[in-house]
């Protein structure tokens, strides 16, 4: 079974998640191809797809969202899983008690649920390395409100066990009769 894993990643954390998902699928005997969404192949040539994007300001990155919209017909005719990455830190809930994964779900996901009927969408925590930030994000990072990294904590907050488990669930679903 051939699986396309397309992703959009600005600083590499989401790419790392996509590559880890592919590695888990391969360990389970599936053929997994990982490609940036901007250059990803036509999903019609695959049996299934996993598509992910870094999320900024409640939105997927344009290359991933455009890939889904451009290929909606092909994606709707095969098993699809979606993932987003972005929350930072070690807390699952914000100061108001809201689940960060639910609260920070990108706005595009509701529409994608209607058009693609994905098997699942998962929000994974991301990573922050201020040395990799572009000019605009560096400005935001240096705002007084982020003193002591209060808004944008530094570090790798990806939960590899959770990512591996989710990918294994995908593999199991695809291998099931």
N, C-alpha and C. Protein backbone atom coordinates (compact mmCIF):
# COMPACT_ATOMS: atom_id res chain seq x y z
N UNK A 1 0.86 -1.18 0.00
CA UNK A 1 0.00 0.00 0.00
C UNK A 1 0.90 1.23 0.00
N UNK A 2 0.60 2.17 -0.90
CA UNK A 2 1.39 3.39 -1.06
C UNK A 2 0.71 4.55 -0.33
N UNK A 3 1.47 5.24 0.52
CA UNK A 3 0.94 6.36 1.30
C UNK A 3 1.76 7.61 1.00
N UNK A 4 1.07 8.68 0.63
CA UNK A 4 1.71 9.98 0.43
C UNK A 4 1.61 10.76 1.73
N UNK A 5 2.74 11.29 2.17
CA UNK A 5 2.75 12.17 3.34
C UNK A 5 3.23 13.53 2.85
N UNK A 6 2.31 14.48 2.79
CA UNK A 6 2.61 15.84 2.34
C UNK A 6 2.56 16.77 3.54
N UNK A 7 3.47 17.73 3.59
CA UNK A 7 3.55 18.59 4.76
C UNK A 7 3.97 20.01 4.35
N UNK A 8 3.65 20.95 5.21
CA UNK A 8 4.16 22.32 5.10
C UNK A 8 4.81 22.65 6.43
N UNK A 9 6.08 23.05 6.37
CA UNK A 9 6.85 23.32 7.58
C UNK A 9 7.71 24.54 7.34
N UNK A 10 7.65 25.50 8.24
CA UNK A 10 8.46 26.71 8.08
C UNK A 10 9.86 26.53 8.65
N UNK A 11 9.96 25.94 9.83
CA UNK A 11 11.26 25.85 10.50
C UNK A 11 11.71 24.42 10.76
N UNK A 12 11.00 23.43 10.24
CA UNK A 12 11.46 22.05 10.30
C UNK A 12 10.76 21.14 11.29
N UNK A 13 10.02 21.66 12.26
CA UNK A 13 9.38 20.80 13.26
C UNK A 13 8.30 19.92 12.63
N UNK A 14 7.49 20.48 11.75
CA UNK A 14 6.43 19.71 11.11
C UNK A 14 7.02 18.70 10.13
N UNK A 15 8.07 19.08 9.45
CA UNK A 15 8.76 18.14 8.57
C UNK A 15 9.24 16.94 9.37
N UNK A 16 9.78 17.19 10.55
CA UNK A 16 10.23 16.11 11.42
C UNK A 16 9.10 15.17 11.80
N UNK A 17 7.93 15.72 12.06
CA UNK A 17 6.76 14.89 12.39
C UNK A 17 6.38 14.04 11.18
N UNK A 18 6.35 14.65 9.99
CA UNK A 18 6.00 13.92 8.77
C UNK A 18 6.98 12.78 8.53
N UNK A 19 8.26 13.04 8.70
CA UNK A 19 9.28 12.01 8.50
C UNK A 19 9.15 10.88 9.53
N UNK A 20 8.78 11.24 10.75
CA UNK A 20 8.61 10.22 11.79
C UNK A 20 7.39 9.35 11.48
N UNK A 21 6.31 9.95 11.00
CA UNK A 21 5.13 9.19 10.60
C UNK A 21 5.50 8.22 9.48
N UNK A 22 6.24 8.70 8.50
CA UNK A 22 6.66 7.85 7.38
C UNK A 22 7.50 6.68 7.88
N UNK A 23 8.42 6.94 8.80
CA UNK A 23 9.28 5.87 9.33
C UNK A 23 8.43 4.80 10.02
N UNK A 24 7.45 5.22 10.79
CA UNK A 24 6.58 4.26 11.47
C UNK A 24 5.77 3.45 10.46
N UNK A 25 5.24 4.11 9.42
CA UNK A 25 4.48 3.38 8.40
C UNK A 25 5.37 2.37 7.69
N UNK A 26 6.60 2.76 7.39
CA UNK A 26 7.54 1.83 6.73
C UNK A 26 7.84 0.63 7.62
N UNK A 27 8.01 0.88 8.93
CA UNK A 27 8.25 -0.22 9.87
C UNK A 27 7.09 -1.20 9.88
N UNK A 28 5.92 -0.70 9.55
CA UNK A 28 4.72 -1.54 9.52
C UNK A 28 4.49 -2.17 8.14
N UNK A 29 5.46 -2.02 7.23
CA UNK A 29 5.39 -2.67 5.93
C UNK A 29 4.70 -1.88 4.84
N UNK A 30 4.44 -0.61 5.07
CA UNK A 30 3.80 0.23 4.06
C UNK A 30 4.86 1.04 3.31
N UNK A 31 4.54 1.42 2.09
CA UNK A 31 5.42 2.27 1.30
C UNK A 31 5.01 3.72 1.55
N UNK A 32 5.88 4.51 2.13
CA UNK A 32 5.55 5.89 2.49
C UNK A 32 6.49 6.85 1.79
N UNK A 33 5.90 7.84 1.12
CA UNK A 33 6.64 8.88 0.42
C UNK A 33 6.37 10.20 1.12
N UNK A 34 7.43 10.90 1.52
CA UNK A 34 7.29 12.18 2.21
C UNK A 34 7.71 13.29 1.26
N UNK A 35 6.83 14.30 1.10
CA UNK A 35 7.13 15.41 0.20
C UNK A 35 6.57 16.71 0.76
N UNK A 36 7.28 17.83 0.53
CA UNK A 36 6.70 19.12 0.89
C UNK A 36 5.42 19.34 0.08
N UNK A 37 4.40 19.88 0.70
CA UNK A 37 3.11 20.08 0.02
C UNK A 37 3.26 20.91 -1.25
N UNK A 38 4.17 21.85 -1.25
CA UNK A 38 4.39 22.72 -2.41
C UNK A 38 4.80 21.92 -3.65
N UNK A 39 5.47 20.77 -3.44
CA UNK A 39 5.96 19.97 -4.56
C UNK A 39 5.39 18.56 -4.56
N UNK A 40 4.41 18.28 -3.73
CA UNK A 40 3.90 16.92 -3.58
C UNK A 40 3.24 16.40 -4.85
N UNK A 41 3.37 15.11 -5.02
CA UNK A 41 2.80 14.43 -6.18
C UNK A 41 1.28 14.41 -6.10
N UNK A 42 0.67 14.06 -7.21
CA UNK A 42 -0.78 13.91 -7.29
C UNK A 42 -1.19 12.75 -6.38
N UNK A 43 -2.06 12.98 -5.41
CA UNK A 43 -2.45 11.91 -4.49
C UNK A 43 -3.22 10.79 -5.17
N UNK A 44 -3.68 10.99 -6.40
CA UNK A 44 -4.40 9.94 -7.12
C UNK A 44 -3.49 8.73 -7.36
N UNK A 45 -2.19 8.92 -7.33
CA UNK A 45 -1.25 7.83 -7.52
C UNK A 45 -0.94 7.06 -6.25
N UNK A 46 -1.66 7.34 -5.17
CA UNK A 46 -1.42 6.71 -3.88
C UNK A 46 -2.71 6.09 -3.36
N UNK A 47 -2.56 5.15 -2.45
CA UNK A 47 -3.71 4.49 -1.84
C UNK A 47 -4.28 5.26 -0.66
N UNK A 48 -3.45 6.09 -0.04
CA UNK A 48 -3.87 6.86 1.14
C UNK A 48 -2.97 8.08 1.25
N UNK A 49 -3.39 9.03 2.09
CA UNK A 49 -2.60 10.24 2.28
C UNK A 49 -2.66 10.70 3.73
N UNK A 50 -1.53 11.24 4.17
CA UNK A 50 -1.42 11.91 5.46
C UNK A 50 -0.91 13.31 5.14
N UNK A 51 -1.63 14.32 5.56
CA UNK A 51 -1.26 15.69 5.22
C UNK A 51 -1.16 16.50 6.51
N UNK A 52 -0.07 17.25 6.63
CA UNK A 52 0.12 18.03 7.84
C UNK A 52 0.69 19.39 7.56
N UNK A 53 0.49 20.26 8.52
CA UNK A 53 1.00 21.62 8.39
C UNK A 53 1.29 22.21 9.75
N UNK A 54 2.29 23.06 9.77
CA UNK A 54 2.48 23.91 10.93
C UNK A 54 1.30 24.87 10.94
N UNK A 55 0.87 25.26 12.11
CA UNK A 55 -0.25 26.19 12.23
C UNK A 55 0.26 27.49 12.85
N UNK A 56 -0.11 28.58 12.20
CA UNK A 56 0.24 29.91 12.69
C UNK A 56 -1.02 30.75 12.74
N UNK A 57 -1.29 31.34 13.89
CA UNK A 57 -2.44 32.24 14.04
C UNK A 57 -3.73 31.55 13.59
N UNK A 58 -3.93 30.31 14.03
CA UNK A 58 -5.14 29.52 13.79
C UNK A 58 -5.31 29.10 12.33
N UNK A 59 -4.24 29.08 11.55
CA UNK A 59 -4.34 28.67 10.14
C UNK A 59 -3.20 27.75 9.75
N UNK A 60 -3.52 26.83 8.84
CA UNK A 60 -2.48 26.03 8.19
C UNK A 60 -1.67 26.93 7.29
N UNK A 61 -0.47 26.53 6.98
CA UNK A 61 0.35 27.25 6.02
C UNK A 61 -0.28 27.10 4.63
N UNK A 62 -0.12 28.12 3.80
CA UNK A 62 -0.77 28.13 2.48
C UNK A 62 -0.41 26.94 1.60
N UNK A 63 0.85 26.48 1.56
CA UNK A 63 1.14 25.34 0.68
C UNK A 63 0.32 24.09 1.03
N UNK A 64 0.12 23.81 2.30
CA UNK A 64 -0.65 22.63 2.69
C UNK A 64 -2.13 22.81 2.40
N UNK A 65 -2.67 23.98 2.76
CA UNK A 65 -4.09 24.24 2.50
C UNK A 65 -4.37 24.23 0.99
N UNK A 66 -3.49 24.80 0.20
CA UNK A 66 -3.66 24.82 -1.25
C UNK A 66 -3.58 23.41 -1.82
N UNK A 67 -2.66 22.60 -1.29
CA UNK A 67 -2.55 21.21 -1.75
C UNK A 67 -3.87 20.47 -1.53
N UNK A 68 -4.45 20.63 -0.36
CA UNK A 68 -5.72 19.96 -0.05
C UNK A 68 -6.82 20.46 -0.99
N UNK A 69 -6.95 21.76 -1.15
CA UNK A 69 -8.00 22.30 -2.01
C UNK A 69 -7.83 21.87 -3.47
N UNK A 70 -6.59 21.91 -3.94
CA UNK A 70 -6.30 21.56 -5.34
C UNK A 70 -6.57 20.08 -5.61
N UNK A 71 -6.39 19.24 -4.60
CA UNK A 71 -6.52 17.79 -4.78
C UNK A 71 -7.71 17.20 -4.03
N UNK A 72 -8.69 18.03 -3.71
CA UNK A 72 -9.82 17.58 -2.89
C UNK A 72 -10.54 16.38 -3.47
N UNK A 73 -10.74 16.36 -4.77
CA UNK A 73 -11.47 15.25 -5.39
C UNK A 73 -10.70 13.93 -5.20
N UNK A 74 -9.42 13.93 -5.50
CA UNK A 74 -8.62 12.71 -5.35
C UNK A 74 -8.53 12.30 -3.88
N UNK A 75 -8.37 13.27 -2.99
CA UNK A 75 -8.25 12.95 -1.57
C UNK A 75 -9.54 12.40 -0.99
N UNK A 76 -10.67 12.88 -1.48
CA UNK A 76 -11.96 12.43 -0.96
C UNK A 76 -12.24 10.97 -1.31
N UNK A 77 -11.49 10.42 -2.25
CA UNK A 77 -11.72 9.05 -2.71
C UNK A 77 -10.73 8.05 -2.11
N UNK A 78 -10.06 8.43 -1.06
CA UNK A 78 -9.10 7.51 -0.42
C UNK A 78 -9.00 7.86 1.06
N UNK A 79 -8.46 6.95 1.86
CA UNK A 79 -8.29 7.27 3.28
C UNK A 79 -7.30 8.42 3.46
N UNK A 80 -7.70 9.38 4.29
CA UNK A 80 -6.88 10.56 4.55
C UNK A 80 -6.84 10.84 6.04
N UNK A 81 -5.66 11.20 6.50
CA UNK A 81 -5.45 11.65 7.88
C UNK A 81 -4.80 13.02 7.80
N UNK A 82 -5.16 13.90 8.73
CA UNK A 82 -4.60 15.25 8.78
C UNK A 82 -3.93 15.47 10.13
N UNK A 83 -2.87 16.27 10.12
CA UNK A 83 -2.27 16.66 11.40
C UNK A 83 -1.79 18.11 11.32
N UNK A 84 -1.77 18.73 12.46
CA UNK A 84 -1.30 20.10 12.60
C UNK A 84 -0.27 20.13 13.72
N UNK A 85 0.68 21.03 13.62
CA UNK A 85 1.63 21.18 14.72
C UNK A 85 1.76 22.66 15.05
N UNK A 86 2.02 22.93 16.29
CA UNK A 86 2.17 24.33 16.63
C UNK A 86 2.16 24.71 18.07
N UNK A 87 1.26 24.14 18.90
CA UNK A 87 1.30 24.59 20.29
C UNK A 87 2.69 24.37 20.87
N UNK A 88 3.09 25.26 21.73
CA UNK A 88 4.41 25.17 22.36
C UNK A 88 4.24 25.07 23.87
N UNK A 89 5.17 24.42 24.51
CA UNK A 89 5.15 24.32 25.95
C UNK A 89 4.77 22.94 26.42
N UNK A 90 4.58 22.83 27.72
CA UNK A 90 4.31 21.53 28.33
C UNK A 90 2.91 21.44 28.91
N UNK A 91 2.13 22.51 28.83
CA UNK A 91 0.78 22.50 29.38
C UNK A 91 -0.23 22.11 28.31
N UNK A 92 -1.17 21.22 28.66
CA UNK A 92 -2.23 20.82 27.74
C UNK A 92 -3.38 21.82 27.73
N UNK A 93 -3.47 22.63 28.79
CA UNK A 93 -4.57 23.60 28.90
C UNK A 93 -4.00 25.00 29.07
N UNK A 94 -4.76 26.00 28.59
CA UNK A 94 -4.33 27.38 28.77
C UNK A 94 -4.82 27.90 30.12
N UNK A 95 -4.59 29.17 30.39
CA UNK A 95 -4.95 29.75 31.69
C UNK A 95 -6.46 29.78 31.93
N UNK A 96 -7.26 29.68 30.86
CA UNK A 96 -8.71 29.66 30.99
C UNK A 96 -9.25 28.22 31.09
N UNK A 97 -8.35 27.24 31.09
CA UNK A 97 -8.75 25.85 31.21
C UNK A 97 -9.13 25.18 29.90
N UNK A 98 -8.90 25.87 28.78
CA UNK A 98 -9.24 25.30 27.47
C UNK A 98 -8.15 24.33 27.03
N UNK A 99 -8.57 23.22 26.44
CA UNK A 99 -7.64 22.26 25.87
C UNK A 99 -6.95 22.93 24.67
N UNK A 100 -5.63 23.05 24.73
CA UNK A 100 -4.90 23.76 23.68
C UNK A 100 -5.06 23.11 22.32
N UNK A 101 -5.13 21.80 22.28
CA UNK A 101 -5.27 21.11 20.99
C UNK A 101 -6.59 21.44 20.33
N UNK A 102 -7.65 21.51 21.12
CA UNK A 102 -8.97 21.85 20.56
C UNK A 102 -9.04 23.34 20.23
N UNK A 103 -8.60 24.15 21.16
CA UNK A 103 -8.69 25.60 21.00
C UNK A 103 -7.86 26.09 19.82
N UNK A 104 -6.69 25.49 19.60
CA UNK A 104 -5.78 25.94 18.55
C UNK A 104 -5.95 25.20 17.22
N UNK A 105 -7.02 24.41 17.09
CA UNK A 105 -7.23 23.71 15.82
C UNK A 105 -7.36 24.73 14.70
N UNK A 106 -6.61 24.56 13.62
CA UNK A 106 -6.67 25.51 12.50
C UNK A 106 -8.07 25.61 11.90
N UNK A 107 -8.44 26.80 11.47
CA UNK A 107 -9.78 27.06 10.95
C UNK A 107 -10.11 26.23 9.70
N UNK A 108 -9.11 25.89 8.90
CA UNK A 108 -9.35 25.13 7.68
C UNK A 108 -9.86 23.72 7.94
N UNK A 109 -9.59 23.19 9.10
CA UNK A 109 -9.90 21.79 9.38
C UNK A 109 -11.40 21.52 9.31
N UNK A 110 -12.24 22.43 9.76
CA UNK A 110 -13.69 22.22 9.69
C UNK A 110 -14.14 22.00 8.24
N UNK A 111 -13.65 22.80 7.33
CA UNK A 111 -14.00 22.65 5.91
C UNK A 111 -13.43 21.36 5.35
N UNK A 112 -12.20 21.03 5.72
CA UNK A 112 -11.59 19.79 5.25
C UNK A 112 -12.36 18.57 5.75
N UNK A 113 -12.93 18.66 6.94
CA UNK A 113 -13.74 17.54 7.45
C UNK A 113 -14.96 17.33 6.54
N UNK A 114 -15.54 18.42 6.07
CA UNK A 114 -16.71 18.33 5.18
C UNK A 114 -16.34 17.75 3.82
N UNK A 115 -15.26 18.26 3.23
CA UNK A 115 -14.93 17.87 1.85
C UNK A 115 -14.18 16.56 1.75
N UNK A 116 -13.29 16.26 2.69
CA UNK A 116 -12.45 15.07 2.59
C UNK A 116 -12.93 13.90 3.42
N UNK A 117 -13.68 14.19 4.49
CA UNK A 117 -14.07 13.16 5.45
C UNK A 117 -12.83 12.40 5.95
N UNK A 118 -11.84 13.13 6.49
CA UNK A 118 -10.63 12.45 6.96
C UNK A 118 -10.94 11.48 8.10
N UNK A 119 -10.12 10.49 8.20
CA UNK A 119 -10.30 9.50 9.27
C UNK A 119 -10.00 10.11 10.63
N UNK A 120 -9.09 11.11 10.64
CA UNK A 120 -8.73 11.76 11.90
C UNK A 120 -7.97 13.04 11.59
N UNK A 121 -8.01 13.94 12.54
CA UNK A 121 -7.12 15.12 12.55
C UNK A 121 -6.52 15.19 13.94
N UNK A 122 -5.22 15.36 13.99
CA UNK A 122 -4.53 15.41 15.27
C UNK A 122 -3.70 16.67 15.34
N UNK A 123 -3.71 17.32 16.49
CA UNK A 123 -2.85 18.48 16.74
C UNK A 123 -1.71 17.99 17.63
N UNK A 124 -0.48 18.17 17.15
CA UNK A 124 0.71 17.82 17.91
C UNK A 124 1.41 19.09 18.36
N UNK A 125 2.05 19.01 19.51
CA UNK A 125 2.86 20.12 19.96
C UNK A 125 4.08 20.24 19.05
N UNK A 126 4.60 21.44 18.90
CA UNK A 126 5.70 21.70 17.99
C UNK A 126 7.01 21.95 18.69
N UNK A 127 7.87 22.70 18.02
CA UNK A 127 9.19 23.02 18.55
C UNK A 127 9.51 24.47 18.23
N UNK A 128 10.32 25.10 19.07
CA UNK A 128 10.71 26.50 18.86
C UNK A 128 12.20 26.64 19.09
N UNK A 129 12.87 27.11 18.06
CA UNK A 129 14.29 27.43 18.15
C UNK A 129 14.41 28.85 17.60
N UNK A 130 14.56 29.82 18.48
CA UNK A 130 14.55 31.22 18.05
C UNK A 130 15.67 31.53 17.06
N UNK A 131 16.72 30.74 17.04
CA UNK A 131 17.82 30.96 16.09
C UNK A 131 17.38 30.70 14.65
N UNK A 132 16.31 29.93 14.47
CA UNK A 132 15.83 29.60 13.12
C UNK A 132 14.75 30.57 12.62
N UNK A 133 14.27 31.45 13.46
CA UNK A 133 13.14 32.31 13.10
C UNK A 133 13.50 33.30 12.00
N UNK A 134 12.52 33.53 11.13
CA UNK A 134 12.66 34.56 10.11
C UNK A 134 12.47 35.93 10.74
N UNK A 135 12.68 36.97 9.94
CA UNK A 135 12.66 38.34 10.45
C UNK A 135 11.37 38.69 11.18
N UNK A 136 10.21 38.46 10.57
CA UNK A 136 8.94 38.84 11.18
C UNK A 136 8.69 38.06 12.48
N UNK A 137 8.94 36.76 12.46
CA UNK A 137 8.73 35.98 13.67
C UNK A 137 9.72 36.35 14.77
N UNK A 138 10.92 36.77 14.38
CA UNK A 138 11.89 37.24 15.38
C UNK A 138 11.37 38.50 16.06
N UNK A 139 10.74 39.39 15.29
CA UNK A 139 10.18 40.61 15.89
C UNK A 139 9.09 40.27 16.90
N UNK A 140 8.20 39.36 16.52
CA UNK A 140 7.13 38.95 17.44
C UNK A 140 7.72 38.29 18.67
N UNK A 141 8.72 37.45 18.45
CA UNK A 141 9.37 36.74 19.55
C UNK A 141 10.00 37.71 20.55
N UNK A 142 10.49 38.86 20.06
CA UNK A 142 11.18 39.82 20.92
C UNK A 142 10.23 40.83 21.58
N UNK A 143 8.92 40.71 21.35
CA UNK A 143 7.97 41.62 21.99
C UNK A 143 8.07 41.53 23.51
N UNK A 144 7.83 42.65 24.19
CA UNK A 144 7.87 42.62 25.66
C UNK A 144 6.93 41.58 26.27
N UNK A 145 5.81 41.31 25.62
CA UNK A 145 4.86 40.33 26.15
C UNK A 145 5.46 38.93 26.20
N UNK A 146 6.51 38.68 25.45
CA UNK A 146 7.15 37.36 25.44
C UNK A 146 8.35 37.31 26.38
N UNK A 147 8.44 38.26 27.28
CA UNK A 147 9.54 38.26 28.24
C UNK A 147 9.62 36.90 28.94
N UNK A 148 10.79 36.39 29.11
CA UNK A 148 11.03 35.07 29.70
C UNK A 148 10.35 33.95 28.91
N UNK A 149 10.15 34.18 27.60
CA UNK A 149 9.53 33.20 26.71
C UNK A 149 8.14 32.77 27.17
N UNK A 150 7.40 33.69 27.78
CA UNK A 150 6.09 33.38 28.32
C UNK A 150 5.10 32.96 27.23
N UNK A 151 5.11 33.64 26.09
CA UNK A 151 4.18 33.31 25.01
C UNK A 151 4.71 32.22 24.08
N UNK A 152 5.99 32.26 23.82
CA UNK A 152 6.61 31.34 22.86
C UNK A 152 7.82 30.66 23.51
N UNK A 153 7.55 29.63 24.29
CA UNK A 153 8.67 28.96 24.97
C UNK A 153 9.59 28.25 23.98
N UNK A 154 10.85 28.27 24.29
CA UNK A 154 11.86 27.59 23.47
C UNK A 154 11.90 26.12 23.83
N UNK A 155 12.18 25.29 22.84
CA UNK A 155 12.38 23.87 23.08
C UNK A 155 11.62 23.02 22.09
N UNK A 156 11.85 21.73 22.19
CA UNK A 156 11.17 20.75 21.35
C UNK A 156 10.10 20.09 22.20
N UNK A 157 8.85 20.35 21.88
CA UNK A 157 7.73 19.86 22.67
C UNK A 157 6.97 18.73 21.96
N UNK A 158 7.55 18.23 20.87
CA UNK A 158 6.91 17.14 20.15
C UNK A 158 6.96 15.87 21.00
N UNK A 159 5.83 15.19 21.07
CA UNK A 159 5.72 13.95 21.84
C UNK A 159 5.86 12.79 20.86
N UNK A 160 7.08 12.27 20.74
CA UNK A 160 7.36 11.24 19.74
C UNK A 160 6.58 9.96 20.01
N UNK A 161 6.35 9.63 21.25
CA UNK A 161 5.57 8.43 21.57
C UNK A 161 4.15 8.58 21.04
N UNK A 162 3.57 9.76 21.24
CA UNK A 162 2.22 10.02 20.76
C UNK A 162 2.17 9.99 19.22
N UNK A 163 3.17 10.57 18.58
CA UNK A 163 3.23 10.59 17.12
C UNK A 163 3.38 9.17 16.58
N UNK A 164 4.27 8.38 17.18
CA UNK A 164 4.46 6.99 16.76
C UNK A 164 3.17 6.19 16.93
N UNK A 165 2.49 6.39 18.03
CA UNK A 165 1.25 5.67 18.30
C UNK A 165 0.18 6.02 17.25
N UNK A 166 0.06 7.31 16.93
CA UNK A 166 -0.92 7.73 15.93
C UNK A 166 -0.59 7.13 14.58
N UNK A 167 0.69 7.15 14.20
CA UNK A 167 1.11 6.58 12.92
C UNK A 167 0.85 5.06 12.89
N UNK A 168 1.08 4.39 14.01
CA UNK A 168 0.81 2.95 14.07
C UNK A 168 -0.68 2.67 13.90
N UNK A 169 -1.52 3.55 14.43
CA UNK A 169 -2.97 3.42 14.24
C UNK A 169 -3.33 3.55 12.77
N UNK A 170 -2.68 4.48 12.08
CA UNK A 170 -2.90 4.65 10.64
C UNK A 170 -2.51 3.37 9.91
N UNK A 171 -1.33 2.85 10.22
CA UNK A 171 -0.85 1.63 9.57
C UNK A 171 -1.81 0.47 9.81
N UNK A 172 -2.25 0.33 11.05
CA UNK A 172 -3.18 -0.75 11.39
C UNK A 172 -4.48 -0.61 10.57
N UNK A 173 -4.98 0.60 10.47
CA UNK A 173 -6.21 0.85 9.72
C UNK A 173 -6.04 0.50 8.24
N UNK A 174 -4.87 0.84 7.68
CA UNK A 174 -4.63 0.57 6.26
C UNK A 174 -4.39 -0.90 5.98
N UNK A 175 -3.88 -1.62 6.94
CA UNK A 175 -3.58 -3.05 6.75
C UNK A 175 -4.78 -3.93 7.10
N UNK A 176 -5.80 -3.36 7.74
CA UNK A 176 -6.97 -4.14 8.12
C UNK A 176 -7.74 -4.58 6.87
N UNK A 177 -8.31 -5.77 6.91
CA UNK A 177 -9.07 -6.25 5.73
C UNK A 177 -10.31 -5.43 5.49
